[in-house]
Amino acid sequence: MLPARVRTGGGEESLFDLEDYIAELVVGEDSKLAGRKLGEIDKETDEADVAVIDLARGKTRFSASNRHLEIRPGDVLIVEAGPEGLDKFRGLAKLEVAGEKRTGSTTGEGMGLAEVVVPRDNRLEGRSVLGVQLLHRQGVGLLSVSRHGQRFYQHLDRLTIHAGDILLLYGAADRLADITRWLGALPLAARGVNVTQHNRAALTVAIFALALVAASFAVVPLPIALGVVVALYVATDIVPICEVYDHIEWPVVVLLGSMIPLGVALEDSGSTTLIAEGIVDLTHGLPAATVLFVLMVVIMTLSDVLNNTATAVIGVPIAIDIAHSLNVSPDPFLMAVASSCAFLTPIGHKNNTLILGPGGYAFSDYWRMGLPLEILIVATGVPAILVFWPL
């Protein structure tokens, strides 16, 4: 339903297309790959979207095409992948980064990744990471290198760095910026690449699930339950306290702070009552279910122009007034407001806006795909609301 739009080379997007990295990951004693053959690890490599190129054992290097070769503790896997894939594969297979124990943490707590470009006349150019003693002096390890898709046949710490190489550094998150400046390298724009604490995944999910269960059974209100989750995440170092502020969606907070008074003003001035009476008059003599349908269409149309959060703030008092006018339960009308979706424009929701450029979409594409989706949502949503929240 969407036309294929082929981009020609040389555009802005092509300037930021990064090749996959070449990385070295060490097989530890507790690795899931130890004792298995190269041909038996396809499940892990496919799930993380990485390609194993070679296996290094001491000074000997074996090709990954030797699928019957047994992987032993101490072996080094040379893999090709993006930053997210490397981090995921490291966690799935319980692999180690070379020199990880000297970077300050083996659990990933407070650790981070930084992508930097080596410019000309840099202290790294023409030297190896081992020669610069990056790990010994700064406590930062070189996780991987990207050089226009080239593959390397020597260990990364002995690889001669060239101008234009992209390095993926692994170390303490609060020191990476200073170390980048010390190196004289140029940091790439952050792509949200983080070091995942795979050993804390079960604890993270358990804390969040417990909060949802407690809120679902009305043990504590949901805002308090989620506040406790944040406090426990900080207390257990799942989220470093220095990152809490950065992870707050301040635009949403400011938007809510500015739109709630607007909603109150509309309600106090009688505007919401006027809108509600207009909808009731428009559907005079029709069943309440039809009024619910009309309200849902109006709210969804409004969401395509306004932010969905702002639409909810404005729509809730309208829904309550309509329910009072019809002398029915307000629950289904509130759910109609909550079910509003914005698929018709790129400005209705931030997700729509985010994919506009990278996807090569035009404004009309949102109508082409969004209108059938919204019709489907209304057609299934109204009957479902009436079943679970009867009038």
Protein backbone atom coordinates (compact mmCIF):
# COMPACT_ATOMS: atom_id res chain seq x y z
CA MET A 1 0.00 0.00 0.00
CA LEU A 2 3.04 2.26 0.28
CA PRO A 3 5.02 3.20 -2.85
CA ALA A 4 8.66 2.15 -2.94
CA ARG A 5 10.90 5.20 -2.79
CA VAL A 6 14.52 4.45 -3.61
CA ARG A 7 17.05 6.95 -2.31
CA THR A 8 20.02 7.77 -4.47
CA GLY A 9 23.47 7.82 -2.96
CA GLY A 10 25.09 10.95 -1.66
CA GLY A 11 22.15 12.08 0.43
CA GLU A 12 22.36 13.12 4.04
CA GLU A 13 21.44 9.63 5.22
CA SER A 14 24.44 8.08 3.46
CA LEU A 15 26.81 10.25 5.48
CA PHE A 16 25.77 8.47 8.65
CA ASP A 17 25.60 4.86 7.42
CA LEU A 18 28.05 2.99 9.66
CA GLU A 19 29.55 -0.36 8.81
CA ASP A 20 29.42 -3.20 11.30
CA TYR A 21 32.25 -3.52 13.79
CA ILE A 22 34.89 -6.21 14.05
CA ALA A 23 35.13 -7.26 17.70
CA GLU A 24 36.87 -9.81 19.90
CA LEU A 25 34.93 -11.60 22.64
CA VAL A 26 36.61 -13.98 25.07
CA VAL A 27 35.07 -17.34 25.98
CA GLY A 28 35.14 -17.67 29.77
CA GLU A 29 34.83 -20.76 31.93
CA ASP A 30 31.11 -20.14 32.50
CA SER A 31 30.32 -19.25 28.88
CA LYS A 32 27.38 -21.05 27.27
CA LEU A 33 29.54 -21.65 24.19
CA ALA A 34 32.35 -23.52 25.96
CA GLY A 35 32.46 -27.16 24.89
CA ARG A 36 30.20 -26.59 21.88
CA LYS A 37 31.18 -26.58 18.22
CA LEU A 38 31.10 -23.56 15.94
CA GLY A 39 28.29 -25.15 13.95
CA GLU A 40 26.15 -25.44 17.09
CA ILE A 41 25.94 -21.74 18.02
CA ASP A 42 23.75 -20.56 15.14
CA LYS A 43 20.83 -19.95 17.51
CA GLU A 44 22.79 -17.37 19.54
CA THR A 45 24.39 -15.68 16.52
CA ASP A 46 21.08 -15.43 14.64
CA GLU A 47 19.23 -14.04 17.66
CA ALA A 48 21.87 -11.34 18.22
CA ASP A 49 22.40 -10.75 14.47
CA VAL A 50 26.17 -11.27 14.59
CA ALA A 51 28.52 -13.15 12.28
CA VAL A 52 31.42 -15.18 13.68
CA ILE A 53 34.36 -14.67 11.33
CA ASP A 54 37.19 -16.55 13.01
CA LEU A 55 38.27 -18.16 16.26
CA ALA A 56 41.65 -17.32 17.79
CA ARG A 57 43.39 -19.77 20.13
CA GLY A 58 46.73 -18.47 21.30
CA LYS A 59 48.66 -17.52 18.16
CA THR A 60 46.57 -19.78 15.93
CA ARG A 61 43.55 -18.48 14.05
CA PHE A 62 40.85 -20.80 12.74
CA SER A 63 38.22 -19.94 10.15
CA ALA A 64 34.59 -20.00 11.24
CA SER A 65 33.91 -22.21 8.22
CA ASN A 66 35.40 -25.06 10.30
CA ARG A 67 32.02 -25.74 11.90
CA HIS A 68 33.24 -28.89 13.71
CA LEU A 69 35.84 -26.95 15.71
CA GLU A 70 35.17 -27.16 19.45
CA ILE A 71 35.07 -23.88 21.38
CA ARG A 72 37.23 -23.92 24.51
CA PRO A 73 37.54 -21.57 27.50
CA GLY A 74 40.11 -18.90 26.68
CA ASP A 75 39.32 -18.88 22.97
CA VAL A 76 38.64 -15.52 21.33
CA LEU A 77 35.72 -15.21 18.91
CA ILE A 78 36.22 -12.61 16.18
CA VAL A 79 32.73 -11.41 15.27
CA GLU A 80 31.18 -8.82 12.99
CA ALA A 81 28.09 -6.93 14.20
CA GLY A 82 26.64 -3.60 15.22
CA PRO A 83 26.96 -2.23 18.77
CA GLU A 84 23.56 -3.55 19.86
CA GLY A 85 24.30 -6.98 18.42
CA LEU A 86 27.65 -7.18 20.16
CA ASP A 87 26.13 -6.31 23.51
CA LYS A 88 23.28 -8.80 23.04
CA PHE A 89 25.60 -11.62 21.91
CA ARG A 90 27.93 -10.94 24.84
CA GLY A 91 25.00 -11.38 27.23
CA LEU A 92 23.37 -14.37 25.54
CA ALA A 93 26.58 -16.39 25.38
CA LYS A 94 28.12 -15.01 28.62
CA LEU A 95 31.23 -13.79 26.84
CA GLU A 96 33.79 -11.33 28.15
CA VAL A 97 35.34 -8.22 26.69
CA ALA A 98 39.13 -8.36 26.49
CA GLY A 99 40.47 -6.64 29.61
CA GLU A 100 37.00 -6.36 31.12
CA LYS A 101 38.18 -7.00 34.67
CA ARG A 102 40.44 -3.94 34.45
CA THR A 103 37.76 -1.53 33.25
CA GLY A 104 36.23 -1.25 36.70
CA SER A 105 33.26 -3.60 36.60
CA THR A 106 32.38 -7.10 35.44
CA THR A 107 28.63 -6.67 35.87
CA GLY A 108 28.07 -3.68 33.63
CA GLU A 109 27.13 -1.39 36.52
CA GLY A 110 27.93 2.19 35.58
CA MET A 111 29.55 1.00 32.36
CA GLY A 112 28.95 2.48 28.94
CA LEU A 113 29.89 2.43 25.27
CA ALA A 114 31.22 5.30 23.21
CA GLU A 115 31.61 5.46 19.43
CA VAL A 116 34.46 7.73 18.38
CA VAL A 117 36.17 8.59 15.10
CA VAL A 118 39.96 8.86 14.86
CA PRO A 119 40.89 12.11 13.04
CA ARG A 120 44.19 12.86 11.33
CA ASP A 121 47.22 13.69 13.51
CA ASN A 122 45.54 11.99 16.46
CA ARG A 123 47.64 10.35 19.18
CA LEU A 124 46.16 6.98 18.14
CA GLU A 125 46.89 7.30 14.41
CA GLY A 126 49.63 4.95 13.32
CA ARG A 127 49.80 3.29 16.75
CA SER A 128 48.07 0.38 18.39
CA VAL A 129 45.84 0.48 21.45
CA LEU A 130 48.42 -1.65 23.24
CA GLY A 131 51.10 0.88 22.34
CA VAL A 132 49.05 3.74 23.74
CA GLN A 133 48.31 1.58 26.83
CA LEU A 134 44.71 2.70 26.80
CA LEU A 135 43.54 -0.03 29.14
CA HIS A 136 46.47 0.36 31.55
CA ARG A 137 46.42 4.17 31.70
CA GLN A 138 42.72 4.95 31.38
CA GLY A 139 40.90 1.74 32.32
CA VAL A 140 39.05 1.70 28.99
CA GLY A 141 38.93 -1.26 26.66
CA LEU A 142 38.63 -1.32 22.87
CA LEU A 143 35.59 -3.45 22.17
CA SER A 144 35.64 -3.24 18.37
CA VAL A 145 36.79 -1.33 15.28
CA SER A 146 34.98 -0.39 12.08
CA ARG A 147 37.07 0.38 8.98
CA HIS A 148 34.88 0.52 5.85
CA GLY A 149 33.90 -3.13 6.19
CA GLN A 150 37.51 -4.42 6.23
CA ARG A 151 38.37 -7.53 8.21
CA PHE A 152 41.48 -7.78 10.35
CA TYR A 153 43.89 -10.65 10.88
CA GLN A 154 45.61 -9.49 14.07
CA HIS A 155 44.35 -8.90 17.58
CA LEU A 156 42.53 -5.61 18.05
CA ASP A 157 44.93 -4.38 20.75
CA ARG A 158 47.79 -4.81 18.26
CA LEU A 159 45.91 -3.38 15.29
CA THR A 160 47.43 -0.20 13.85
CA ILE A 161 44.78 2.51 14.03
CA HIS A 162 44.22 4.62 10.91
CA ALA A 163 42.59 8.02 10.54
CA GLY A 164 38.89 7.53 9.85
CA ASP A 165 38.58 4.35 11.94
CA ILE A 166 35.52 4.19 14.18
CA LEU A 167 36.28 2.75 17.62
CA LEU A 168 33.78 1.31 20.08
CA LEU A 169 35.18 1.96 23.56
CA TYR A 170 34.01 0.19 26.71
CA GLY A 171 34.50 1.66 30.16
CA ALA A 172 33.06 3.65 33.04
CA ALA A 173 30.22 5.77 31.65
CA ASP A 174 31.17 8.86 33.65
CA ARG A 175 34.73 8.84 32.25
CA LEU A 176 34.16 8.09 28.59
CA ALA A 177 33.73 11.74 27.62
CA ASP A 178 37.00 12.74 29.34
CA ILE A 179 38.85 9.82 27.77
CA THR A 180 37.50 10.74 24.33
CA ARG A 181 38.92 14.25 24.78
CA TRP A 182 42.23 12.81 26.06
CA LEU A 183 42.47 10.71 22.92
CA GLY A 184 41.64 13.69 20.74
CA ALA A 185 38.93 11.61 19.05
CA LEU A 186 35.62 12.86 17.73
CA PRO A 187 32.53 11.40 19.43
CA LEU A 188 29.70 10.25 17.20
CA ALA A 189 26.15 11.35 17.96
CA ALA A 190 24.72 9.12 20.67
CA ARG A 191 22.63 6.27 19.25
CA GLY A 192 21.26 5.09 22.61
CA VAL A 193 23.77 2.22 22.77
CA ASN A 194 24.17 1.00 26.36
CA VAL A 195 25.87 -1.82 28.18
CA THR A 196 23.16 -4.27 29.19
CA GLN A 197 23.38 -5.82 32.66
CA HIS A 198 22.32 -9.28 31.55
CA ASN A 199 22.86 -10.74 35.02
CA ARG A 200 20.29 -8.28 36.41
CA ALA A 201 17.58 -8.98 33.82
CA ALA A 202 15.61 -11.39 36.03
CA LEU A 203 15.70 -8.99 39.00
CA THR A 204 14.62 -6.08 36.78
CA VAL A 205 11.61 -7.94 35.41
CA ALA A 206 10.67 -9.33 38.84
CA ILE A 207 10.59 -5.89 40.47
CA PHE A 208 8.49 -4.40 37.68
CA ALA A 209 6.10 -7.39 37.57
CA LEU A 210 5.63 -7.26 41.35
CA ALA A 211 4.70 -3.58 41.12
CA LEU A 212 2.13 -4.26 38.39
CA VAL A 213 0.58 -7.12 40.38
CA ALA A 214 0.40 -4.95 43.51
CA ALA A 215 -1.28 -2.14 41.56
CA SER A 216 -3.65 -4.52 39.73
CA PHE A 217 -4.96 -5.92 43.04
CA ALA A 218 -5.27 -2.40 44.52
CA VAL A 219 -2.61 -3.05 47.17
CA VAL A 220 -1.05 0.32 46.33
CA PRO A 221 -1.89 2.95 43.70
CA LEU A 222 -0.05 2.58 40.40
CA PRO A 223 1.94 5.87 40.68
CA ILE A 224 3.27 4.82 44.10
CA ALA A 225 4.09 1.30 42.84
CA LEU A 226 6.06 2.67 39.87
CA GLY A 227 7.80 5.19 42.13
CA VAL A 228 8.94 2.32 44.34
CA VAL A 229 10.19 0.52 41.20
CA VAL A 230 12.39 3.50 40.33
CA ALA A 231 13.72 3.66 43.90
CA LEU A 232 14.54 -0.07 43.89
CA TYR A 233 16.21 0.20 40.46
CA VAL A 234 18.47 2.93 41.85
CA ALA A 235 19.11 1.08 45.13
CA THR A 236 20.14 -2.11 43.31
CA ASP A 237 22.24 -0.20 40.72
CA ILE A 238 20.09 -1.38 37.83
CA VAL A 239 19.81 2.29 36.85
CA PRO A 240 22.69 4.48 38.10
CA ILE A 241 21.37 7.45 40.04
CA CYS A 242 23.28 9.80 37.73
CA GLU A 243 21.12 8.59 34.79
CA VAL A 244 17.72 8.95 36.46
CA TYR A 245 17.42 12.63 35.54
CA ASP A 246 18.37 11.96 31.91
CA HIS A 247 15.71 9.26 31.53
CA ILE A 248 12.81 11.49 32.59
CA GLU A 249 10.71 12.51 29.58
CA TRP A 250 10.77 16.23 30.40
CA PRO A 251 8.86 17.28 27.23
CA VAL A 252 5.93 15.11 28.34
CA VAL A 253 6.09 16.52 31.88
CA VAL A 254 6.07 20.10 30.57
CA LEU A 255 3.30 19.29 28.10
CA LEU A 256 1.11 17.82 30.85
CA GLY A 257 1.87 20.77 33.11
CA SER A 258 0.74 23.19 30.42
CA MET A 259 -2.26 21.25 29.11
CA ILE A 260 -3.91 20.36 32.45
CA PRO A 261 -4.71 24.04 33.19
CA LEU A 262 -6.08 24.31 29.65
CA GLY A 263 -8.35 21.35 30.27
CA VAL A 264 -9.48 22.84 33.61
CA ALA A 265 -10.14 26.20 31.91
CA LEU A 266 -12.26 24.52 29.21
CA GLU A 267 -14.24 22.72 31.90
CA ASP A 268 -14.72 25.77 34.16
CA SER A 269 -15.73 28.01 31.27
CA GLY A 270 -18.37 25.54 30.13
CA SER A 271 -16.64 24.81 26.81
CA THR A 272 -16.49 21.06 27.42
CA THR A 273 -20.19 21.05 28.31
CA LEU A 274 -20.94 22.94 25.10
CA ILE A 275 -18.97 20.42 23.02
CA ALA A 276 -20.62 17.51 24.82
CA GLU A 277 -24.10 18.95 24.26
CA GLY A 278 -23.25 19.48 20.60
CA ILE A 279 -22.36 15.81 20.19
CA VAL A 280 -25.48 14.72 22.08
CA ASP A 281 -27.69 17.02 19.95
CA LEU A 282 -26.04 15.72 16.78
CA THR A 283 -26.92 12.15 17.76
CA HIS A 284 -30.32 12.96 19.31
CA GLY A 285 -32.62 9.95 19.38
CA LEU A 286 -29.80 7.50 18.55
CA PRO A 287 -28.62 4.76 20.92
CA ALA A 288 -25.88 5.54 23.45
CA ALA A 289 -23.59 3.14 21.57
CA THR A 290 -23.83 5.40 18.52
CA VAL A 291 -22.88 8.41 20.66
CA LEU A 292 -19.90 6.41 21.89
CA PHE A 293 -18.91 5.72 18.27
CA VAL A 294 -19.14 9.42 17.36
CA LEU A 295 -17.09 10.45 20.41
CA MET A 296 -14.36 7.96 19.54
CA VAL A 297 -14.17 9.26 15.96
CA VAL A 298 -14.02 12.88 17.16
CA ILE A 299 -11.27 12.13 19.70
CA MET A 300 -9.22 10.14 17.17
CA THR A 301 -9.51 12.99 14.66
CA LEU A 302 -8.38 15.45 17.33
CA SER A 303 -5.43 13.19 18.21
CA ASP A 304 -4.19 13.43 14.62
CA VAL A 305 -3.72 17.18 15.09
CA LEU A 306 -2.92 17.51 18.80
CA ASN A 307 -0.62 15.41 20.94
CA ASN A 308 -2.48 12.37 22.25
CA THR A 309 -1.73 13.37 25.85
CA ALA A 310 -3.25 16.80 25.30
CA THR A 311 -6.24 15.19 23.61
CA ALA A 312 -6.83 12.99 26.65
CA VAL A 313 -6.71 16.00 28.99
CA ILE A 314 -9.32 17.80 26.89
CA GLY A 315 -11.40 14.72 26.03
CA VAL A 316 -11.94 13.32 29.54
CA PRO A 317 -14.29 16.09 30.81
CA ILE A 318 -16.18 15.97 27.50
CA ALA A 319 -16.69 12.22 27.89
CA ILE A 320 -17.94 12.65 31.47
CA ASP A 321 -20.39 15.40 30.44
CA ILE A 322 -21.76 13.24 27.61
CA ALA A 323 -22.30 10.32 30.00
CA HIS A 324 -24.12 12.57 32.48
CA SER A 325 -26.31 13.97 29.68
CA LEU A 326 -27.29 10.45 28.64
CA ASN A 327 -27.59 9.27 32.27
CA VAL A 328 -25.27 6.30 31.66
CA SER A 329 -21.96 5.07 33.07
CA PRO A 330 -18.99 7.28 32.08
CA ASP A 331 -16.60 4.30 31.94
CA PRO A 332 -17.14 3.34 28.27
CA PHE A 333 -16.83 6.98 27.18
CA LEU A 334 -13.59 7.37 29.15
CA MET A 335 -12.26 4.23 27.47
CA ALA A 336 -13.18 5.68 24.09
CA VAL A 337 -10.97 8.68 24.91
CA ALA A 338 -8.17 6.36 26.10
CA SER A 339 -8.43 4.28 22.91
CA SER A 340 -7.74 7.19 20.60
CA CYS A 341 -5.00 6.52 18.04
CA ALA A 342 -3.22 8.94 15.75
CA PHE A 343 -2.26 7.30 12.46
CA LEU A 344 -3.40 9.88 9.90
CA THR A 345 -0.59 12.44 10.23
CA PRO A 346 3.13 12.47 11.06
CA ILE A 347 2.48 15.03 13.81
CA GLY A 348 -0.14 13.12 15.78
CA HIS A 349 2.40 11.15 17.78
CA LYS A 350 6.16 11.39 18.23
CA ASN A 351 6.61 7.85 16.87
CA ASN A 352 4.98 8.96 13.62
CA THR A 353 7.40 11.88 13.42
CA LEU A 354 10.47 9.77 14.20
CA ILE A 355 9.95 7.41 11.26
CA LEU A 356 9.04 10.11 8.73
CA GLY A 357 12.61 10.86 7.61
CA PRO A 358 14.38 7.50 8.06
CA GLY A 359 11.48 5.66 6.41
CA GLY A 360 11.34 8.02 3.45
CA TYR A 361 7.61 8.53 3.97
CA ALA A 362 5.43 11.33 2.62
CA PHE A 363 2.51 13.00 4.41
CA SER A 364 0.03 11.10 2.22
CA ASP A 365 1.48 7.74 3.30
CA TYR A 366 0.01 8.21 6.75
CA TRP A 367 -3.50 8.54 5.31
CA ARG A 368 -2.95 5.56 3.03
CA MET A 369 -2.00 3.22 5.87
CA GLY A 370 -3.52 5.09 8.82
CA LEU A 371 -7.13 5.35 7.65
CA PRO A 372 -7.66 1.56 7.33
CA LEU A 373 -6.00 1.12 10.73
CA GLU A 374 -8.24 3.69 12.40
CA ILE A 375 -11.36 2.18 10.80
CA LEU A 376 -10.28 -1.23 12.10
CA ILE A 377 -9.69 0.15 15.59
CA VAL A 378 -13.10 1.84 15.72
CA ALA A 379 -14.86 -1.23 14.31
CA THR A 380 -13.32 -3.53 16.93
CA GLY A 381 -12.88 -1.02 19.75
CA VAL A 382 -16.48 0.13 20.18
CA PRO A 383 -17.93 -3.43 20.53
CA ALA A 384 -15.07 -4.42 22.85
CA ILE A 385 -15.64 -1.36 25.07
CA LEU A 386 -19.36 -2.12 25.31
CA VAL A 387 -18.60 -5.70 26.34
CA PHE A 388 -16.01 -4.94 29.03
CA TRP A 389 -17.38 -1.53 30.17
CA PRO A 390 -21.14 -1.78 29.63
CA LEU A 391 -23.34 1.29 29.59
